[in-house]
mmCIF file of all heavy atoms, coordinates in Angstrom:
data_MODEL
# 
_entry.id   MODEL 
# 
loop_
_atom_site.group_PDB 
_atom_site.id 
_atom_site.type_symbol 
_atom_site.label_atom_id 
_atom_site.label_alt_id 
_atom_site.label_comp_id 
_atom_site.label_asym_id 
_atom_site.label_entity_id 
_atom_site.label_seq_id 
_atom_site.pdbx_PDB_ins_code 
_atom_site.Cartn_x 
_atom_site.Cartn_y 
_atom_site.Cartn_z 
_atom_site.occupancy 
_atom_site.B_iso_or_equiv 
_atom_site.pdbx_formal_charge 
_atom_site.auth_seq_id 
_atom_site.auth_comp_id 
_atom_site.auth_asym_id 
_atom_site.auth_atom_id 
_atom_site.pdbx_PDB_model_num 
ATOM 1   N N   . LEU A 1 1  ? -7.754  -143.258 -79.318 1.00 0.00 ? 1  LEU A N   1 
ATOM 2   C CA  . LEU A 1 1  ? -6.594  -143.992 -79.306 1.00 0.00 ? 1  LEU A CA  1 
ATOM 3   C C   . LEU A 1 1  ? -6.272  -144.773 -78.035 1.00 0.00 ? 1  LEU A C   1 
ATOM 4   O O   . LEU A 1 1  ? -5.725  -145.800 -78.101 1.00 0.00 ? 1  LEU A O   1 
ATOM 5   C CB  . LEU A 1 1  ? -5.267  -142.898 -79.627 1.00 0.00 ? 1  LEU A CB  1 
ATOM 6   C CG  . LEU A 1 1  ? -5.188  -142.254 -80.905 1.00 0.00 ? 1  LEU A CG  1 
ATOM 7   C CD1 . LEU A 1 1  ? -4.158  -141.209 -80.927 1.00 0.00 ? 1  LEU A CD1 1 
ATOM 8   C CD2 . LEU A 1 1  ? -5.107  -143.187 -82.069 1.00 0.00 ? 1  LEU A CD2 1 
ATOM 9   N N   . TYR A 1 2  ? -6.820  -144.162 -77.111 1.00 0.00 ? 2  TYR A N   1 
ATOM 10  C CA  . TYR A 1 2  ? -6.570  -144.900 -75.693 1.00 0.00 ? 2  TYR A CA  1 
ATOM 11  C C   . TYR A 1 2  ? -7.532  -145.887 -75.365 1.00 0.00 ? 2  TYR A C   1 
ATOM 12  O O   . TYR A 1 2  ? -7.128  -146.937 -74.922 1.00 0.00 ? 2  TYR A O   1 
ATOM 13  C CB  . TYR A 1 2  ? -6.536  -143.799 -74.550 1.00 0.00 ? 2  TYR A CB  1 
ATOM 14  C CG  . TYR A 1 2  ? -6.256  -144.290 -73.147 1.00 0.00 ? 2  TYR A CG  1 
ATOM 15  C CD1 . TYR A 1 2  ? -4.852  -144.569 -72.825 1.00 0.00 ? 2  TYR A CD1 1 
ATOM 16  C CD2 . TYR A 1 2  ? -7.193  -144.587 -72.306 1.00 0.00 ? 2  TYR A CD2 1 
ATOM 17  C CE1 . TYR A 1 2  ? -4.604  -145.076 -71.675 1.00 0.00 ? 2  TYR A CE1 1 
ATOM 18  C CE2 . TYR A 1 2  ? -6.876  -145.079 -71.077 1.00 0.00 ? 2  TYR A CE2 1 
ATOM 19  C CZ  . TYR A 1 2  ? -5.468  -145.392 -70.782 1.00 0.00 ? 2  TYR A CZ  1 
ATOM 20  O OH  . TYR A 1 2  ? -5.240  -145.824 -69.527 1.00 0.00 ? 2  TYR A OH  1 
ATOM 21  N N   . PHE A 1 3  ? -9.026  -145.726 -75.599 1.00 0.00 ? 3  PHE A N   1 
ATOM 22  C CA  . PHE A 1 3  ? -9.966  -146.667 -75.314 1.00 0.00 ? 3  PHE A CA  1 
ATOM 23  C C   . PHE A 1 3  ? -10.314 -147.577 -76.509 1.00 0.00 ? 3  PHE A C   1 
ATOM 24  O O   . PHE A 1 3  ? -10.138 -147.141 -77.646 1.00 0.00 ? 3  PHE A O   1 
ATOM 25  C CB  . PHE A 1 3  ? -11.152 -145.999 -74.886 1.00 0.00 ? 3  PHE A CB  1 
ATOM 26  C CG  . PHE A 1 3  ? -10.969 -145.235 -73.556 1.00 0.00 ? 3  PHE A CG  1 
ATOM 27  C CD1 . PHE A 1 3  ? -10.865 -143.809 -73.607 1.00 0.00 ? 3  PHE A CD1 1 
ATOM 28  C CD2 . PHE A 1 3  ? -11.035 -145.850 -72.316 1.00 0.00 ? 3  PHE A CD2 1 
ATOM 29  C CE1 . PHE A 1 3  ? -10.656 -143.189 -72.362 1.00 0.00 ? 3  PHE A CE1 1 
ATOM 30  C CE2 . PHE A 1 3  ? -10.791 -145.067 -71.123 1.00 0.00 ? 3  PHE A CE2 1 
ATOM 31  C CZ  . PHE A 1 3  ? -10.633 -143.799 -71.140 1.00 0.00 ? 3  PHE A CZ  1 
ATOM 32  N N   . ARG A 1 4  ? -10.725 -148.757 -76.251 1.00 0.00 ? 4  ARG A N   1 
ATOM 33  C CA  . ARG A 1 4  ? -11.257 -149.578 -77.188 1.00 0.00 ? 4  ARG A CA  1 
ATOM 34  C C   . ARG A 1 4  ? -12.678 -149.168 -77.611 1.00 0.00 ? 4  ARG A C   1 
ATOM 35  O O   . ARG A 1 4  ? -13.359 -148.582 -76.867 1.00 0.00 ? 4  ARG A O   1 
ATOM 36  C CB  . ARG A 1 4  ? -11.232 -151.009 -76.823 1.00 0.00 ? 4  ARG A CB  1 
ATOM 37  C CG  . ARG A 1 4  ? -9.714  -151.580 -76.476 1.00 0.00 ? 4  ARG A CG  1 
ATOM 38  C CD  . ARG A 1 4  ? -9.781  -153.127 -76.375 1.00 0.00 ? 4  ARG A CD  1 
ATOM 39  N NE  . ARG A 1 4  ? -10.664 -153.364 -75.078 1.00 0.00 ? 4  ARG A NE  1 
ATOM 40  C CZ  . ARG A 1 4  ? -10.064 -153.503 -73.840 1.00 0.00 ? 4  ARG A CZ  1 
ATOM 41  N NH1 . ARG A 1 4  ? -8.758  -153.258 -73.687 1.00 0.00 ? 4  ARG A NH1 1 
ATOM 42  N NH2 . ARG A 1 4  ? -10.815 -153.883 -72.911 1.00 0.00 ? 4  ARG A NH2 1 
ATOM 43  N N   . PRO A 1 5  ? -13.249 -149.646 -78.767 1.00 0.00 ? 5  PRO A N   1 
ATOM 44  C CA  . PRO A 1 5  ? -14.511 -149.218 -79.015 1.00 0.00 ? 5  PRO A CA  1 
ATOM 45  C C   . PRO A 1 5  ? -15.595 -149.712 -78.098 1.00 0.00 ? 5  PRO A C   1 
ATOM 46  O O   . PRO A 1 5  ? -16.517 -148.992 -77.795 1.00 0.00 ? 5  PRO A O   1 
ATOM 47  C CB  . PRO A 1 5  ? -14.743 -149.947 -80.515 1.00 0.00 ? 5  PRO A CB  1 
ATOM 48  C CG  . PRO A 1 5  ? -13.355 -150.159 -81.162 1.00 0.00 ? 5  PRO A CG  1 
ATOM 49  C CD  . PRO A 1 5  ? -12.514 -150.417 -79.753 1.00 0.00 ? 5  PRO A CD  1 
ATOM 50  N N   . SER A 1 6  ? -15.447 -150.800 -77.500 1.00 0.00 ? 6  SER A N   1 
ATOM 51  C CA  . SER A 1 6  ? -16.373 -151.332 -76.578 1.00 0.00 ? 6  SER A CA  1 
ATOM 52  C C   . SER A 1 6  ? -16.378 -150.362 -75.233 1.00 0.00 ? 6  SER A C   1 
ATOM 53  O O   . SER A 1 6  ? -17.383 -150.033 -74.721 1.00 0.00 ? 6  SER A O   1 
ATOM 54  C CB  . SER A 1 6  ? -16.054 -152.764 -76.107 1.00 0.00 ? 6  SER A CB  1 
ATOM 55  O OG  . SER A 1 6  ? -14.795 -152.857 -75.536 1.00 0.00 ? 6  SER A OG  1 
ATOM 56  N N   . GLN A 1 7  ? -15.158 -149.928 -74.856 1.00 0.00 ? 7  GLN A N   1 
ATOM 57  C CA  . GLN A 1 7  ? -15.135 -148.981 -73.732 1.00 0.00 ? 7  GLN A CA  1 
ATOM 58  C C   . GLN A 1 7  ? -15.647 -147.624 -74.040 1.00 0.00 ? 7  GLN A C   1 
ATOM 59  O O   . GLN A 1 7  ? -16.389 -146.900 -73.239 1.00 0.00 ? 7  GLN A O   1 
ATOM 60  C CB  . GLN A 1 7  ? -13.649 -148.771 -73.296 1.00 0.00 ? 7  GLN A CB  1 
ATOM 61  C CG  . GLN A 1 7  ? -13.032 -150.099 -72.720 1.00 0.00 ? 7  GLN A CG  1 
ATOM 62  C CD  . GLN A 1 7  ? -11.553 -149.894 -72.366 1.00 0.00 ? 7  GLN A CD  1 
ATOM 63  O OE1 . GLN A 1 7  ? -10.984 -149.002 -72.915 1.00 0.00 ? 7  GLN A OE1 1 
ATOM 64  N NE2 . GLN A 1 7  ? -11.197 -150.619 -71.488 1.00 0.00 ? 7  GLN A NE2 1 
ATOM 65  N N   . LEU A 1 8  ? -15.624 -147.196 -75.325 1.00 0.00 ? 8  LEU A N   1 
ATOM 66  C CA  . LEU A 1 8  ? -16.337 -145.925 -75.784 1.00 0.00 ? 8  LEU A CA  1 
ATOM 67  C C   . LEU A 1 8  ? -17.682 -146.156 -75.750 1.00 0.00 ? 8  LEU A C   1 
ATOM 68  O O   . LEU A 1 8  ? -18.406 -145.157 -75.320 1.00 0.00 ? 8  LEU A O   1 
ATOM 69  C CB  . LEU A 1 8  ? -15.687 -145.541 -77.156 1.00 0.00 ? 8  LEU A CB  1 
ATOM 70  C CG  . LEU A 1 8  ? -14.202 -145.065 -77.244 1.00 0.00 ? 8  LEU A CG  1 
ATOM 71  C CD1 . LEU A 1 8  ? -13.916 -144.852 -78.620 1.00 0.00 ? 8  LEU A CD1 1 
ATOM 72  C CD2 . LEU A 1 8  ? -14.077 -143.865 -76.362 1.00 0.00 ? 8  LEU A CD2 1 
ATOM 73  N N   . GLY A 1 9  ? -18.334 -147.185 -76.084 1.00 0.00 ? 9  GLY A N   1 
ATOM 74  C CA  . GLY A 1 9  ? -19.754 -147.452 -76.052 1.00 0.00 ? 9  GLY A CA  1 
ATOM 75  C C   . GLY A 1 9  ? -20.271 -147.412 -74.636 1.00 0.00 ? 9  GLY A C   1 
ATOM 76  O O   . GLY A 1 9  ? -21.234 -146.803 -74.314 1.00 0.00 ? 9  GLY A O   1 
ATOM 77  N N   . PHE A 1 10 ? -19.407 -147.982 -73.634 1.00 0.00 ? 10 PHE A N   1 
ATOM 78  C CA  . PHE A 1 10 ? -19.834 -147.871 -72.281 1.00 0.00 ? 10 PHE A CA  1 
ATOM 79  C C   . PHE A 1 10 ? -19.767 -146.472 -71.748 1.00 0.00 ? 10 PHE A C   1 
ATOM 80  O O   . PHE A 1 10 ? -20.632 -146.043 -70.976 1.00 0.00 ? 10 PHE A O   1 
ATOM 81  C CB  . PHE A 1 10 ? -18.837 -148.711 -71.460 1.00 0.00 ? 10 PHE A CB  1 
ATOM 82  C CG  . PHE A 1 10 ? -19.125 -148.720 -69.872 1.00 0.00 ? 10 PHE A CG  1 
ATOM 83  C CD1 . PHE A 1 10 ? -20.200 -149.378 -69.518 1.00 0.00 ? 10 PHE A CD1 1 
ATOM 84  C CD2 . PHE A 1 10 ? -18.211 -147.997 -69.144 1.00 0.00 ? 10 PHE A CD2 1 
ATOM 85  C CE1 . PHE A 1 10 ? -20.432 -149.265 -68.039 1.00 0.00 ? 10 PHE A CE1 1 
ATOM 86  C CE2 . PHE A 1 10 ? -18.497 -147.890 -67.833 1.00 0.00 ? 10 PHE A CE2 1 
ATOM 87  C CZ  . PHE A 1 10 ? -19.491 -148.633 -67.205 1.00 0.00 ? 10 PHE A CZ  1 
ATOM 88  N N   . ILE A 1 11 ? -18.742 -145.728 -72.189 1.00 0.00 ? 11 ILE A N   1 
ATOM 89  C CA  . ILE A 1 11 ? -18.703 -144.325 -71.763 1.00 0.00 ? 11 ILE A CA  1 
ATOM 90  C C   . ILE A 1 11 ? -19.854 -143.521 -72.303 1.00 0.00 ? 11 ILE A C   1 
ATOM 91  O O   . ILE A 1 11 ? -20.396 -142.562 -71.660 1.00 0.00 ? 11 ILE A O   1 
ATOM 92  C CB  . ILE A 1 11 ? -17.302 -143.662 -72.278 1.00 0.00 ? 11 ILE A CB  1 
ATOM 93  C CG1 . ILE A 1 11 ? -16.153 -144.215 -71.489 1.00 0.00 ? 11 ILE A CG1 1 
ATOM 94  C CG2 . ILE A 1 11 ? -17.251 -142.159 -71.993 1.00 0.00 ? 11 ILE A CG2 1 
ATOM 95  C CD1 . ILE A 1 11 ? -14.856 -143.845 -72.023 1.00 0.00 ? 11 ILE A CD1 1 
ATOM 96  N N   . SER A 1 12 ? -20.196 -143.744 -73.622 1.00 0.00 ? 12 SER A N   1 
ATOM 97  C CA  . SER A 1 12 ? -21.366 -143.108 -74.179 1.00 0.00 ? 12 SER A CA  1 
ATOM 98  C C   . SER A 1 12 ? -22.626 -143.406 -73.362 1.00 0.00 ? 12 SER A C   1 
ATOM 99  O O   . SER A 1 12 ? -23.449 -142.507 -73.138 1.00 0.00 ? 12 SER A O   1 
ATOM 100 C CB  . SER A 1 12 ? -21.537 -143.502 -75.597 1.00 0.00 ? 12 SER A CB  1 
ATOM 101 O OG  . SER A 1 12 ? -20.323 -143.248 -76.396 1.00 0.00 ? 12 SER A OG  1 
ATOM 102 N N   . GLN A 1 13 ? -22.846 -144.641 -72.833 1.00 0.00 ? 13 GLN A N   1 
ATOM 103 C CA  . GLN A 1 13 ? -23.955 -144.956 -72.147 1.00 0.00 ? 13 GLN A CA  1 
ATOM 104 C C   . GLN A 1 13 ? -23.882 -144.210 -70.741 1.00 0.00 ? 13 GLN A C   1 
ATOM 105 O O   . GLN A 1 13 ? -25.022 -143.706 -70.284 1.00 0.00 ? 13 GLN A O   1 
ATOM 106 C CB  . GLN A 1 13 ? -24.172 -146.488 -71.838 1.00 0.00 ? 13 GLN A CB  1 
ATOM 107 C CG  . GLN A 1 13 ? -24.222 -147.352 -73.024 1.00 0.00 ? 13 GLN A CG  1 
ATOM 108 C CD  . GLN A 1 13 ? -24.347 -148.722 -72.796 1.00 0.00 ? 13 GLN A CD  1 
ATOM 109 O OE1 . GLN A 1 13 ? -24.309 -149.197 -71.813 1.00 0.00 ? 13 GLN A OE1 1 
ATOM 110 N NE2 . GLN A 1 13 ? -24.271 -149.576 -73.811 1.00 0.00 ? 13 GLN A NE2 1 
ATOM 111 N N   . LYS A 1 14 ? -22.826 -144.051 -70.180 1.00 0.00 ? 14 LYS A N   1 
ATOM 112 C CA  . LYS A 1 14 ? -22.717 -143.356 -68.890 1.00 0.00 ? 14 LYS A CA  1 
ATOM 113 C C   . LYS A 1 14 ? -23.041 -141.778 -68.945 1.00 0.00 ? 14 LYS A C   1 
ATOM 114 O O   . LYS A 1 14 ? -23.732 -141.177 -68.267 1.00 0.00 ? 14 LYS A O   1 
ATOM 115 C CB  . LYS A 1 14 ? -21.301 -143.448 -68.315 1.00 0.00 ? 14 LYS A CB  1 
ATOM 116 C CG  . LYS A 1 14 ? -20.911 -144.866 -67.695 1.00 0.00 ? 14 LYS A CG  1 
ATOM 117 C CD  . LYS A 1 14 ? -21.862 -145.085 -66.468 1.00 0.00 ? 14 LYS A CD  1 
ATOM 118 C CE  . LYS A 1 14 ? -21.424 -146.328 -65.721 1.00 0.00 ? 14 LYS A CE  1 
ATOM 119 N NZ  . LYS A 1 14 ? -22.244 -146.552 -64.586 1.00 0.00 ? 14 LYS A NZ  1 
ATOM 120 N N   . VAL A 1 15 ? -22.550 -141.292 -70.153 1.00 0.00 ? 15 VAL A N   1 
ATOM 121 C CA  . VAL A 1 15 ? -22.765 -139.949 -70.459 1.00 0.00 ? 15 VAL A CA  1 
ATOM 122 C C   . VAL A 1 15 ? -24.365 -139.727 -70.659 1.00 0.00 ? 15 VAL A C   1 
ATOM 123 O O   . VAL A 1 15 ? -24.968 -138.748 -70.292 1.00 0.00 ? 15 VAL A O   1 
ATOM 124 C CB  . VAL A 1 15 ? -22.078 -139.346 -71.696 1.00 0.00 ? 15 VAL A CB  1 
ATOM 125 C CG1 . VAL A 1 15 ? -22.492 -138.038 -72.122 1.00 0.00 ? 15 VAL A CG1 1 
ATOM 126 C CG2 . VAL A 1 15 ? -20.636 -139.407 -71.366 1.00 0.00 ? 15 VAL A CG2 1 
ATOM 127 N N   . LEU A 1 16 ? -25.038 -140.613 -71.380 1.00 0.00 ? 16 LEU A N   1 
ATOM 128 C CA  . LEU A 1 16 ? -26.483 -140.568 -71.641 1.00 0.00 ? 16 LEU A CA  1 
ATOM 129 C C   . LEU A 1 16 ? -27.211 -140.514 -70.241 1.00 0.00 ? 16 LEU A C   1 
ATOM 130 O O   . LEU A 1 16 ? -28.233 -139.856 -70.043 1.00 0.00 ? 16 LEU A O   1 
ATOM 131 C CB  . LEU A 1 16 ? -26.892 -141.714 -72.476 1.00 0.00 ? 16 LEU A CB  1 
ATOM 132 C CG  . LEU A 1 16 ? -28.386 -141.837 -72.813 1.00 0.00 ? 16 LEU A CG  1 
ATOM 133 C CD1 . LEU A 1 16 ? -28.893 -140.580 -73.411 1.00 0.00 ? 16 LEU A CD1 1 
ATOM 134 C CD2 . LEU A 1 16 ? -28.732 -142.986 -73.616 1.00 0.00 ? 16 LEU A CD2 1 
ATOM 135 N N   . LEU A 1 17 ? -26.893 -141.467 -69.376 1.00 0.00 ? 17 LEU A N   1 
ATOM 136 C CA  . LEU A 1 17 ? -27.440 -141.626 -68.073 1.00 0.00 ? 17 LEU A CA  1 
ATOM 137 C C   . LEU A 1 17 ? -27.307 -140.371 -67.271 1.00 0.00 ? 17 LEU A C   1 
ATOM 138 O O   . LEU A 1 17 ? -28.279 -139.906 -66.611 1.00 0.00 ? 17 LEU A O   1 
ATOM 139 C CB  . LEU A 1 17 ? -26.969 -142.877 -67.351 1.00 0.00 ? 17 LEU A CB  1 
ATOM 140 C CG  . LEU A 1 17 ? -27.621 -143.017 -65.980 1.00 0.00 ? 17 LEU A CG  1 
ATOM 141 C CD1 . LEU A 1 17 ? -29.100 -143.170 -66.026 1.00 0.00 ? 17 LEU A CD1 1 
ATOM 142 C CD2 . LEU A 1 17 ? -26.723 -144.211 -65.241 1.00 0.00 ? 17 LEU A CD2 1 
ATOM 143 N N   . THR A 1 18 ? -26.075 -139.724 -67.362 1.00 0.00 ? 18 THR A N   1 
ATOM 144 C CA  . THR A 1 18 ? -25.938 -138.495 -66.550 1.00 0.00 ? 18 THR A CA  1 
ATOM 145 C C   . THR A 1 18 ? -26.768 -137.332 -67.139 1.00 0.00 ? 18 THR A C   1 
ATOM 146 O O   . THR A 1 18 ? -27.334 -136.518 -66.405 1.00 0.00 ? 18 THR A O   1 
ATOM 147 C CB  . THR A 1 18 ? -24.324 -138.059 -66.704 1.00 0.00 ? 18 THR A CB  1 
ATOM 148 O OG1 . THR A 1 18 ? -23.600 -139.148 -66.197 1.00 0.00 ? 18 THR A OG1 1 
ATOM 149 C CG2 . THR A 1 18 ? -24.052 -136.902 -65.808 1.00 0.00 ? 18 THR A CG2 1 
ATOM 150 N N   . VAL A 1 19 ? -26.699 -137.198 -68.459 1.00 0.00 ? 19 VAL A N   1 
ATOM 151 C CA  . VAL A 1 19 ? -27.574 -136.165 -69.094 1.00 0.00 ? 19 VAL A CA  1 
ATOM 152 C C   . VAL A 1 19 ? -29.022 -136.300 -68.778 1.00 0.00 ? 19 VAL A C   1 
ATOM 153 O O   . VAL A 1 19 ? -29.710 -135.354 -68.531 1.00 0.00 ? 19 VAL A O   1 
ATOM 154 C CB  . VAL A 1 19 ? -27.308 -136.112 -70.592 1.00 0.00 ? 19 VAL A CB  1 
ATOM 155 C CG1 . VAL A 1 19 ? -28.293 -135.159 -71.270 1.00 0.00 ? 19 VAL A CG1 1 
ATOM 156 C CG2 . VAL A 1 19 ? -25.861 -135.724 -70.849 1.00 0.00 ? 19 VAL A CG2 1 
ATOM 157 N N   . ARG A 1 20 ? -29.573 -137.428 -68.781 1.00 0.00 ? 20 ARG A N   1 
ATOM 158 C CA  . ARG A 1 20 ? -31.047 -137.805 -68.531 1.00 0.00 ? 20 ARG A CA  1 
ATOM 159 C C   . ARG A 1 20 ? -31.290 -137.266 -66.971 1.00 0.00 ? 20 ARG A C   1 
ATOM 160 O O   . ARG A 1 20 ? -32.274 -136.775 -66.713 1.00 0.00 ? 20 ARG A O   1 
ATOM 161 C CB  . ARG A 1 20 ? -31.273 -139.284 -68.766 1.00 0.00 ? 20 ARG A CB  1 
ATOM 162 C CG  . ARG A 1 20 ? -31.554 -139.627 -70.269 1.00 0.00 ? 20 ARG A CG  1 
ATOM 163 C CD  . ARG A 1 20 ? -31.841 -140.917 -70.315 1.00 0.00 ? 20 ARG A CD  1 
ATOM 164 N NE  . ARG A 1 20 ? -32.050 -141.416 -71.840 1.00 0.00 ? 20 ARG A NE  1 
ATOM 165 C CZ  . ARG A 1 20 ? -32.290 -142.617 -72.280 1.00 0.00 ? 20 ARG A CZ  1 
ATOM 166 N NH1 . ARG A 1 20 ? -32.168 -143.621 -71.362 1.00 0.00 ? 20 ARG A NH1 1 
ATOM 167 N NH2 . ARG A 1 20 ? -32.421 -142.672 -73.533 1.00 0.00 ? 20 ARG A NH2 1 
ATOM 168 N N   . THR A 1 21 ? -30.295 -137.741 -66.142 1.00 0.00 ? 21 THR A N   1 
ATOM 169 C CA  . THR A 1 21 ? -30.610 -137.363 -64.652 1.00 0.00 ? 21 THR A CA  1 
ATOM 170 C C   . THR A 1 21 ? -30.504 -135.873 -64.482 1.00 0.00 ? 21 THR A C   1 
ATOM 171 O O   . THR A 1 21 ? -31.366 -135.331 -63.719 1.00 0.00 ? 21 THR A O   1 
ATOM 172 C CB  . THR A 1 21 ? -29.473 -137.988 -63.805 1.00 0.00 ? 21 THR A CB  1 
ATOM 173 O OG1 . THR A 1 21 ? -29.491 -139.391 -64.048 1.00 0.00 ? 21 THR A OG1 1 
ATOM 174 C CG2 . THR A 1 21 ? -29.715 -137.769 -62.343 1.00 0.00 ? 21 THR A CG2 1 
ATOM 175 N N   . SER A 1 22 ? -29.591 -135.196 -65.111 1.00 0.00 ? 22 SER A N   1 
ATOM 176 C CA  . SER A 1 22 ? -29.535 -133.732 -64.965 1.00 0.00 ? 22 SER A CA  1 
ATOM 177 C C   . SER A 1 22 ? -30.665 -133.092 -65.529 1.00 0.00 ? 22 SER A C   1 
ATOM 178 O O   . SER A 1 22 ? -31.200 -132.009 -65.131 1.00 0.00 ? 22 SER A O   1 
ATOM 179 C CB  . SER A 1 22 ? -28.266 -133.219 -65.536 1.00 0.00 ? 22 SER A CB  1 
ATOM 180 O OG  . SER A 1 22 ? -28.071 -133.521 -66.951 1.00 0.00 ? 22 SER A OG  1 
ATOM 181 N N   . SER A 1 23 ? -31.200 -133.573 -66.616 1.00 0.00 ? 23 SER A N   1 
ATOM 182 C CA  . SER A 1 23 ? -32.321 -132.914 -67.309 1.00 0.00 ? 23 SER A CA  1 
ATOM 183 C C   . SER A 1 23 ? -33.596 -133.103 -66.443 1.00 0.00 ? 23 SER A C   1 
ATOM 184 O O   . SER A 1 23 ? -34.438 -132.239 -66.539 1.00 0.00 ? 23 SER A O   1 
ATOM 185 C CB  . SER A 1 23 ? -32.651 -133.697 -68.683 1.00 0.00 ? 23 SER A CB  1 
ATOM 186 O OG  . SER A 1 23 ? -32.927 -134.942 -68.512 1.00 0.00 ? 23 SER A OG  1 
ATOM 187 N N   . ARG A 1 24 ? -33.696 -134.267 -65.721 1.00 0.00 ? 24 ARG A N   1 
ATOM 188 C CA  . ARG A 1 24 ? -34.931 -134.341 -64.920 1.00 0.00 ? 24 ARG A CA  1 
ATOM 189 C C   . ARG A 1 24 ? -34.815 -133.324 -63.567 1.00 0.00 ? 24 ARG A C   1 
ATOM 190 O O   . ARG A 1 24 ? -35.859 -132.808 -63.196 1.00 0.00 ? 24 ARG A O   1 
ATOM 191 C CB  . ARG A 1 24 ? -34.976 -135.763 -64.304 1.00 0.00 ? 24 ARG A CB  1 
ATOM 192 C CG  . ARG A 1 24 ? -35.426 -136.875 -65.385 1.00 0.00 ? 24 ARG A CG  1 
ATOM 193 C CD  . ARG A 1 24 ? -35.709 -138.154 -64.683 1.00 0.00 ? 24 ARG A CD  1 
ATOM 194 N NE  . ARG A 1 24 ? -35.827 -139.302 -65.629 1.00 0.00 ? 24 ARG A NE  1 
ATOM 195 C CZ  . ARG A 1 24 ? -34.821 -140.185 -65.849 1.00 0.00 ? 24 ARG A CZ  1 
ATOM 196 N NH1 . ARG A 1 24 ? -33.697 -139.997 -65.098 1.00 0.00 ? 24 ARG A NH1 1 
ATOM 197 N NH2 . ARG A 1 24 ? -34.960 -141.027 -66.724 1.00 0.00 ? 24 ARG A NH2 1 
ATOM 198 N N   . SER A 1 25 ? -33.583 -133.027 -63.137 1.00 0.00 ? 25 SER A N   1 
ATOM 199 C CA  . SER A 1 25 ? -33.564 -132.231 -61.935 1.00 0.00 ? 25 SER A CA  1 
ATOM 200 C C   . SER A 1 25 ? -33.699 -130.870 -62.315 1.00 0.00 ? 25 SER A C   1 
ATOM 201 O O   . SER A 1 25 ? -34.192 -130.182 -61.504 1.00 0.00 ? 25 SER A O   1 
ATOM 202 C CB  . SER A 1 25 ? -32.052 -132.444 -61.359 1.00 0.00 ? 25 SER A CB  1 
ATOM 203 O OG  . SER A 1 25 ? -31.100 -132.034 -62.294 1.00 0.00 ? 25 SER A OG  1 
# 
């Protein structure tokens, strides 16, 4: 309700990047 679909896609990309970084560490 708060974010637009484009913002949600950007948040999804950020979450993916964080998960990949933590998985490497």
